[in-house]
N, C-alpha and C. Protein backbone atom coordinates (compact mmCIF):
# COMPACT_ATOMS: atom_id res chain seq x y z
N MET A 1 213.98 -168.34 98.74
CA MET A 1 212.73 -169.24 99.46
C MET A 1 213.49 -170.11 100.45
N SER A 2 212.61 -170.77 101.23
CA SER A 2 213.17 -171.80 102.16
C SER A 2 213.21 -173.07 101.84
N THR A 3 214.10 -173.81 102.41
CA THR A 3 214.18 -175.26 102.32
C THR A 3 214.39 -175.80 103.74
N ALA A 4 213.97 -176.95 103.79
CA ALA A 4 213.91 -177.82 105.00
C ALA A 4 214.47 -179.34 104.63
N ASP A 5 215.16 -179.85 105.67
CA ASP A 5 215.61 -181.17 105.44
C ASP A 5 214.86 -182.09 106.66
N ALA A 6 214.54 -183.28 106.32
CA ALA A 6 213.77 -183.99 107.30
C ALA A 6 214.19 -185.46 107.02
N SER A 7 214.21 -186.31 108.13
CA SER A 7 214.47 -187.71 107.81
C SER A 7 213.96 -188.51 108.90
N ILE A 8 213.74 -189.89 108.48
CA ILE A 8 213.20 -190.90 109.28
C ILE A 8 214.28 -192.16 109.18
N THR A 9 214.42 -192.85 110.39
CA THR A 9 215.06 -194.15 110.14
C THR A 9 214.08 -195.27 110.52
N LEU A 10 214.00 -196.30 109.60
CA LEU A 10 213.10 -197.34 109.93
C LEU A 10 213.61 -198.79 110.15
N HIS A 11 213.35 -199.49 111.11
CA HIS A 11 214.00 -200.68 111.54
C HIS A 11 212.97 -201.74 111.05
N LEU A 12 213.42 -202.45 109.88
CA LEU A 12 212.79 -203.30 109.09
C LEU A 12 212.88 -204.90 109.36
N ARG A 13 211.72 -205.48 109.43
CA ARG A 13 211.91 -207.05 109.74
C ARG A 13 212.12 -207.88 108.52
N ALA A 14 213.01 -207.54 107.64
CA ALA A 14 213.52 -208.33 106.34
C ALA A 14 214.64 -207.90 105.94
N PRO A 15 215.43 -208.79 105.16
CA PRO A 15 216.72 -208.38 104.55
C PRO A 15 216.60 -207.27 103.75
N ALA A 16 217.62 -206.43 103.44
CA ALA A 16 217.58 -205.19 102.54
C ALA A 16 216.93 -205.72 101.04
N ASP A 17 217.37 -206.88 100.54
CA ASP A 17 216.85 -207.41 99.34
C ASP A 17 215.14 -207.51 99.29
N ALA A 18 214.69 -207.69 100.45
CA ALA A 18 213.17 -208.08 100.38
C ALA A 18 212.52 -206.63 100.78
N ALA A 19 213.19 -205.86 101.66
CA ALA A 19 212.61 -204.52 102.00
C ALA A 19 212.56 -203.63 100.98
N PHE A 20 213.79 -203.40 100.21
CA PHE A 20 214.01 -202.32 99.23
C PHE A 20 212.89 -202.18 98.43
N PRO A 21 212.29 -203.22 97.66
CA PRO A 21 211.22 -202.86 96.74
C PRO A 21 210.01 -202.18 97.26
N LEU A 22 209.85 -202.30 98.49
CA LEU A 22 208.54 -201.55 99.07
C LEU A 22 208.74 -200.15 98.97
N PHE A 23 209.83 -199.62 98.46
CA PHE A 23 209.97 -198.21 98.44
C PHE A 23 209.88 -197.60 96.90
N ASP A 24 209.64 -198.59 96.11
CA ASP A 24 209.43 -198.16 94.62
C ASP A 24 207.97 -197.74 94.45
N PRO A 25 207.68 -196.92 93.43
CA PRO A 25 206.41 -196.27 93.28
C PRO A 25 205.11 -197.30 93.18
N VAL A 26 205.46 -198.58 92.72
CA VAL A 26 204.40 -199.54 92.51
C VAL A 26 204.07 -200.30 93.75
N ASN A 27 205.16 -200.83 94.31
CA ASN A 27 205.09 -201.62 95.64
C ASN A 27 204.69 -200.71 96.91
N GLU A 28 204.82 -199.41 96.88
CA GLU A 28 204.55 -198.67 98.04
C GLU A 28 203.02 -198.77 98.21
N THR A 29 202.32 -199.20 97.21
CA THR A 29 200.97 -199.35 97.43
C THR A 29 200.56 -200.36 98.37
N ARG A 30 201.48 -201.47 98.42
CA ARG A 30 201.37 -202.37 99.57
C ARG A 30 201.20 -202.21 100.86
N TRP A 31 201.89 -201.09 101.22
CA TRP A 31 201.81 -200.58 102.67
C TRP A 31 201.08 -199.15 102.81
N SER A 32 200.98 -198.41 101.78
CA SER A 32 200.30 -197.10 102.03
C SER A 32 199.14 -196.92 101.31
N PRO A 33 197.98 -197.06 102.00
CA PRO A 33 196.70 -197.03 101.27
C PRO A 33 196.27 -195.75 100.74
N ASP A 34 196.99 -194.69 100.96
CA ASP A 34 196.65 -193.36 100.33
C ASP A 34 197.49 -193.04 99.05
N TRP A 35 198.43 -194.16 98.70
CA TRP A 35 199.55 -193.95 97.63
C TRP A 35 198.76 -194.45 96.36
N HIS A 36 198.57 -193.60 95.30
CA HIS A 36 197.90 -193.95 94.20
C HIS A 36 198.67 -193.20 92.88
N PRO A 37 199.87 -193.89 92.69
CA PRO A 37 200.63 -193.27 91.56
C PRO A 37 199.87 -193.55 90.20
N THR A 38 199.86 -192.63 89.30
CA THR A 38 199.59 -192.96 87.75
C THR A 38 200.86 -192.87 86.96
N LEU A 39 201.41 -193.87 86.67
CA LEU A 39 202.58 -194.11 85.91
C LEU A 39 202.44 -193.56 84.38
N LEU A 40 203.35 -192.82 83.89
CA LEU A 40 203.17 -192.36 82.49
C LEU A 40 204.34 -192.87 81.58
N GLY A 41 204.07 -193.04 80.24
CA GLY A 41 204.94 -193.54 79.49
C GLY A 41 205.19 -195.04 79.73
N ASP A 42 206.53 -195.29 79.53
CA ASP A 42 206.95 -196.63 79.86
C ASP A 42 206.83 -196.89 81.35
N ALA A 43 205.79 -197.75 81.85
CA ALA A 43 205.56 -197.82 83.28
C ALA A 43 206.46 -198.88 83.96
N ARG A 44 207.64 -198.98 83.49
CA ARG A 44 208.60 -199.76 84.05
C ARG A 44 209.38 -199.29 85.24
N VAL A 45 209.52 -199.96 86.46
CA VAL A 45 210.16 -199.33 87.60
C VAL A 45 211.62 -199.25 87.22
N ALA A 46 212.21 -198.08 86.71
CA ALA A 46 213.39 -197.91 86.40
C ALA A 46 213.92 -196.48 86.52
N SER A 47 215.10 -196.06 86.67
CA SER A 47 215.46 -194.64 86.43
C SER A 47 214.79 -194.03 85.49
N GLY A 48 214.35 -192.93 85.46
CA GLY A 48 213.70 -192.16 84.43
C GLY A 48 212.08 -192.20 84.38
N LEU A 49 211.57 -193.22 85.36
CA LEU A 49 210.11 -193.37 85.33
C LEU A 49 209.60 -191.89 85.68
N VAL A 50 208.48 -191.60 85.18
CA VAL A 50 207.62 -190.39 85.36
C VAL A 50 206.31 -190.86 85.93
N PHE A 51 205.88 -190.19 87.00
CA PHE A 51 204.44 -190.46 87.34
C PHE A 51 203.79 -189.32 88.11
N THR A 52 202.51 -189.27 88.42
CA THR A 52 201.97 -188.31 89.06
C THR A 52 201.16 -188.84 90.21
N THR A 53 200.91 -187.92 91.22
CA THR A 53 200.00 -188.33 92.45
C THR A 53 199.17 -187.26 92.85
N GLU A 54 198.07 -187.37 93.52
CA GLU A 54 197.25 -186.32 93.94
C GLU A 54 196.70 -186.76 95.45
N ASP A 55 197.02 -185.58 96.37
CA ASP A 55 196.64 -185.79 97.82
C ASP A 55 196.05 -184.43 98.16
N GLN A 56 196.07 -184.20 99.46
CA GLN A 56 195.24 -183.03 100.02
C GLN A 56 196.15 -181.69 99.75
N HIS A 57 197.44 -181.98 99.21
CA HIS A 57 198.26 -180.85 98.73
C HIS A 57 198.24 -180.45 97.37
N GLY A 58 197.45 -181.29 96.56
CA GLY A 58 197.19 -181.10 95.20
C GLY A 58 197.99 -182.23 94.29
N ARG A 59 198.11 -181.74 93.00
CA ARG A 59 198.82 -182.82 92.29
C ARG A 59 200.27 -182.58 92.20
N ALA A 60 201.22 -183.73 92.09
CA ALA A 60 202.61 -183.70 92.07
C ALA A 60 202.97 -184.44 90.88
N ALA A 61 204.05 -184.01 90.14
CA ALA A 61 204.71 -184.63 89.07
C ALA A 61 205.96 -185.24 89.71
N TRP A 62 206.30 -186.72 89.42
CA TRP A 62 207.44 -187.23 90.19
C TRP A 62 208.34 -187.87 89.01
N LEU A 63 209.56 -187.77 89.30
CA LEU A 63 210.66 -188.46 88.55
C LEU A 63 211.30 -189.35 89.48
N LEU A 64 211.43 -190.58 88.99
CA LEU A 64 212.28 -191.63 89.69
C LEU A 64 213.70 -191.39 89.21
N ASP A 65 214.31 -190.52 89.82
CA ASP A 65 215.76 -190.05 89.34
C ASP A 65 216.85 -191.10 89.35
N ARG A 66 216.73 -191.87 90.49
CA ARG A 66 217.82 -193.07 90.60
C ARG A 66 217.08 -194.25 91.22
N TYR A 67 217.22 -195.33 90.49
CA TYR A 67 216.83 -196.51 90.91
C TYR A 67 217.88 -197.49 90.95
N GLU A 68 218.44 -197.89 92.02
CA GLU A 68 219.66 -198.96 92.05
C GLU A 68 219.29 -200.03 93.06
N PRO A 69 218.71 -201.07 92.60
CA PRO A 69 218.31 -202.22 93.47
C PRO A 69 219.58 -202.92 93.98
N GLN A 70 220.49 -202.87 93.21
CA GLN A 70 222.05 -203.60 93.80
C GLN A 70 222.52 -202.91 95.08
N SER A 71 222.37 -201.65 95.03
CA SER A 71 222.88 -200.91 96.23
C SER A 71 221.84 -200.46 97.12
N HIS A 72 220.51 -200.91 96.84
CA HIS A 72 219.42 -200.50 97.64
C HIS A 72 219.15 -199.03 97.91
N THR A 73 219.42 -198.26 96.91
CA THR A 73 219.10 -196.86 96.90
C THR A 73 218.20 -196.39 95.75
N ILE A 74 217.41 -195.43 96.12
CA ILE A 74 216.50 -194.74 95.31
C ILE A 74 216.36 -193.27 95.54
N ARG A 75 216.06 -192.41 94.43
CA ARG A 75 215.92 -191.10 94.58
C ARG A 75 214.71 -190.64 93.82
N TYR A 76 214.04 -189.91 94.58
CA TYR A 76 212.87 -189.22 93.77
C TYR A 76 213.03 -187.78 93.76
N VAL A 77 212.39 -187.03 92.76
CA VAL A 77 212.06 -185.77 92.61
C VAL A 77 210.78 -185.51 92.39
N ALA A 78 210.08 -184.78 93.22
CA ALA A 78 208.68 -184.26 93.17
C ALA A 78 208.47 -182.98 93.11
N VAL A 79 207.56 -182.39 91.95
CA VAL A 79 207.38 -180.98 91.95
C VAL A 79 205.82 -180.77 91.96
N ARG A 80 205.44 -179.81 92.80
CA ARG A 80 203.91 -179.33 93.04
C ARG A 80 204.24 -177.84 92.55
N THR A 81 203.13 -177.28 92.55
CA THR A 81 203.08 -175.73 92.01
C THR A 81 204.05 -174.87 93.04
N SER A 82 203.89 -175.29 94.28
CA SER A 82 204.60 -174.44 95.30
C SER A 82 206.01 -174.87 95.99
N THR A 83 206.35 -176.31 95.75
CA THR A 83 207.52 -176.97 96.24
C THR A 83 208.09 -177.92 95.29
N LEU A 84 209.33 -178.08 95.61
CA LEU A 84 210.24 -179.21 94.84
C LEU A 84 210.67 -179.98 96.02
N THR A 85 210.74 -181.20 95.98
CA THR A 85 211.17 -182.11 96.93
C THR A 85 211.96 -183.17 96.21
N THR A 86 213.14 -183.48 96.97
CA THR A 86 213.94 -184.60 96.65
C THR A 86 213.82 -185.51 97.89
N ILE A 87 213.87 -186.79 97.55
CA ILE A 87 213.57 -187.79 98.48
C ILE A 87 214.84 -188.94 98.11
N ASP A 88 215.72 -189.21 99.16
CA ASP A 88 216.70 -190.21 99.05
C ASP A 88 216.31 -191.37 99.95
N ILE A 89 216.38 -192.62 99.55
CA ILE A 89 216.24 -193.68 100.40
C ILE A 89 217.21 -194.69 100.19
N ALA A 90 217.80 -195.17 101.32
CA ALA A 90 218.82 -196.05 101.30
C ALA A 90 218.42 -197.26 102.39
N VAL A 91 218.46 -198.56 101.93
CA VAL A 91 218.26 -199.69 102.80
C VAL A 91 219.51 -200.28 103.05
N VAL A 92 219.90 -200.62 104.13
CA VAL A 92 221.16 -201.34 104.53
C VAL A 92 220.84 -202.58 105.38
N PRO A 93 221.64 -203.63 105.18
CA PRO A 93 221.41 -204.75 106.10
C PRO A 93 221.78 -204.48 107.39
N ALA A 94 220.90 -205.13 108.49
CA ALA A 94 221.16 -204.93 109.72
C ALA A 94 221.33 -206.38 110.56
N GLY A 95 221.44 -207.49 109.63
CA GLY A 95 221.59 -208.68 110.19
C GLY A 95 220.98 -209.64 109.12
N PRO A 96 221.00 -210.89 109.38
CA PRO A 96 220.56 -211.71 108.25
C PRO A 96 219.00 -211.71 108.03
N ARG A 97 218.26 -211.14 108.99
CA ARG A 97 216.71 -210.98 108.62
C ARG A 97 216.12 -209.75 109.09
N SER A 98 217.04 -208.68 108.92
CA SER A 98 216.66 -207.30 109.13
C SER A 98 217.33 -206.43 108.31
N SER A 99 216.79 -205.03 108.35
CA SER A 99 217.49 -203.86 107.61
C SER A 99 217.07 -202.75 108.30
N VAL A 100 217.87 -201.63 107.80
CA VAL A 100 217.46 -200.30 108.30
C VAL A 100 217.47 -199.50 107.15
N ALA A 101 216.16 -198.78 106.93
CA ALA A 101 216.02 -197.83 105.86
C ALA A 101 216.02 -196.44 106.48
N THR A 102 216.71 -195.64 105.76
CA THR A 102 216.85 -194.14 105.98
C THR A 102 216.02 -193.33 104.92
N VAL A 103 215.12 -192.58 105.27
CA VAL A 103 214.33 -191.83 104.22
C VAL A 103 214.69 -190.40 104.58
N ARG A 104 215.31 -189.74 103.57
CA ARG A 104 215.71 -188.20 103.72
C ARG A 104 214.92 -187.36 102.80
N TYR A 105 214.24 -186.39 103.14
CA TYR A 105 213.61 -185.50 102.32
C TYR A 105 214.28 -184.24 102.47
N ARG A 106 214.23 -183.50 101.33
CA ARG A 106 214.74 -181.99 101.28
C ARG A 106 213.62 -181.38 100.54
N ARG A 107 212.92 -180.55 101.02
CA ARG A 107 211.88 -179.75 100.38
C ARG A 107 212.14 -178.24 100.29
N THR A 108 211.90 -177.84 99.13
CA THR A 108 212.21 -176.31 98.84
C THR A 108 210.91 -175.63 98.48
N ALA A 109 210.84 -174.51 99.10
CA ALA A 109 209.60 -173.62 98.56
C ALA A 109 209.91 -172.95 97.27
N LEU A 110 208.85 -172.90 96.48
CA LEU A 110 209.08 -172.22 95.10
C LEU A 110 208.31 -170.79 95.16
N ASP A 111 207.58 -170.51 96.16
CA ASP A 111 206.80 -169.22 96.48
C ASP A 111 206.33 -169.14 97.86
N ALA A 112 205.70 -168.13 98.39
CA ALA A 112 205.28 -168.02 99.65
C ALA A 112 204.51 -168.91 100.20
N HIS A 113 203.49 -169.47 99.49
CA HIS A 113 202.64 -170.64 99.88
C HIS A 113 203.41 -171.78 100.21
N GLY A 114 204.40 -172.06 99.33
CA GLY A 114 205.29 -173.16 99.47
C GLY A 114 206.17 -173.09 100.95
N ALA A 115 206.63 -171.73 101.16
CA ALA A 115 207.31 -171.49 102.42
C ALA A 115 206.52 -172.15 103.62
N ALA A 116 205.37 -171.94 103.70
CA ALA A 116 204.45 -172.32 105.05
C ALA A 116 204.49 -173.78 104.70
N GLU A 117 204.26 -174.41 103.83
CA GLU A 117 204.14 -175.87 103.48
C GLU A 117 205.61 -176.41 104.10
N VAL A 118 206.58 -175.80 103.74
CA VAL A 118 208.07 -176.33 103.98
C VAL A 118 208.15 -176.47 105.51
N ALA A 119 207.86 -175.15 106.20
CA ALA A 119 207.98 -175.16 107.64
C ALA A 119 207.05 -176.20 108.44
N GLY A 120 205.92 -176.34 107.90
CA GLY A 120 204.96 -177.50 108.48
C GLY A 120 205.60 -178.78 108.29
N PHE A 121 206.12 -179.08 107.20
CA PHE A 121 206.71 -180.44 106.75
C PHE A 121 207.90 -180.76 107.74
N ALA A 122 208.91 -179.64 107.84
CA ALA A 122 209.97 -180.10 108.66
C ALA A 122 209.54 -180.41 110.04
N ALA A 123 208.46 -179.83 110.51
CA ALA A 123 208.01 -180.07 112.04
C ALA A 123 207.39 -181.39 112.01
N SER A 124 206.61 -181.76 110.84
CA SER A 124 205.75 -182.89 111.01
C SER A 124 206.41 -184.32 110.57
N PHE A 125 207.18 -184.19 109.50
CA PHE A 125 207.47 -185.46 108.86
C PHE A 125 208.14 -186.43 109.91
N PRO A 126 209.06 -186.11 110.71
CA PRO A 126 209.77 -187.10 111.64
C PRO A 126 208.66 -187.94 112.36
N ALA A 127 207.60 -187.27 112.77
CA ALA A 127 206.58 -188.06 113.46
C ALA A 127 205.94 -189.06 112.61
N GLN A 128 206.19 -189.24 111.36
CA GLN A 128 205.74 -190.41 110.51
C GLN A 128 206.54 -191.56 110.51
N GLY A 129 207.57 -191.56 111.14
CA GLY A 129 208.47 -192.62 111.23
C GLY A 129 207.85 -194.03 111.81
N PRO A 130 207.19 -193.95 112.88
CA PRO A 130 206.51 -195.07 113.48
C PRO A 130 205.47 -195.73 112.66
N HIS A 131 204.75 -194.78 111.93
CA HIS A 131 203.66 -195.30 111.22
C HIS A 131 204.23 -196.00 110.07
N TRP A 132 205.09 -195.39 109.29
CA TRP A 132 205.81 -196.02 108.03
C TRP A 132 206.30 -197.30 108.48
N GLU A 133 207.19 -197.43 109.54
CA GLU A 133 207.71 -198.64 110.11
C GLU A 133 206.85 -199.67 110.26
N ALA A 134 205.73 -199.36 111.00
CA ALA A 134 204.59 -200.41 111.20
C ALA A 134 203.98 -200.88 110.00
N ALA A 135 203.74 -199.92 109.00
CA ALA A 135 203.14 -200.42 107.95
C ALA A 135 204.11 -201.27 107.05
N ILE A 136 205.26 -200.74 106.79
CA ILE A 136 206.20 -201.53 106.08
C ILE A 136 206.47 -203.06 106.82
N ASN A 137 206.52 -203.01 108.02
CA ASN A 137 206.68 -204.36 108.65
C ASN A 137 205.59 -205.18 108.30
N ALA A 138 204.30 -204.53 108.57
CA ALA A 138 203.25 -205.51 108.29
C ALA A 138 203.03 -206.06 106.98
N ALA A 139 203.61 -205.13 105.86
CA ALA A 139 203.54 -205.63 104.49
C ALA A 139 204.53 -206.88 104.44
N LEU A 140 205.82 -206.65 105.01
CA LEU A 140 206.74 -207.58 104.94
C LEU A 140 206.50 -208.94 105.75
N ASP A 141 205.58 -208.79 106.80
CA ASP A 141 205.21 -209.93 107.46
C ASP A 141 204.27 -210.80 106.83
N ALA A 142 203.27 -209.86 105.94
CA ALA A 142 202.46 -210.63 105.25
C ALA A 142 202.92 -211.59 104.07
N VAL A 143 204.12 -211.25 103.62
CA VAL A 143 204.73 -212.24 102.73
C VAL A 143 205.43 -213.31 103.41
N GLY A 144 205.88 -213.04 104.70
CA GLY A 144 206.54 -214.16 105.30
C GLY A 144 208.14 -214.02 105.13
N PRO A 145 208.76 -214.87 105.80
CA PRO A 145 210.19 -214.94 105.56
C PRO A 145 210.69 -215.21 104.38
N PRO A 146 211.88 -214.54 103.90
CA PRO A 146 212.49 -214.76 102.79
C PRO A 146 213.05 -216.04 102.55
């Protein structure tokens, strides 16, 4: 089956320590109005957390595979009926009051329906960068300087 990689780079108006938490499954709700995770089991934000989401593509089961606040890195694995996706996020300092986040997706089709979704995703995801950057910066601005 097919696989596609896509990434975005976000320039954020806050240090990495302040920006990084906005990428965890709970704090993402502060900037993404369509993000509604249902946490399962121990609902602590830590490696091993399992949660589900539902959107226009259906239900997905997620694993917070790696959560490393000290190095500002996080990795998710999301599974839908037709696709498996890994998402790697790293936030690095870019000055005393700014940081840069890189969000890398790798989506793999598990069947023919997933192959069409993978192709569409690879073409459309990079265009999400400006929206994500504006939404995250608005959430950071609402909190004020660290």
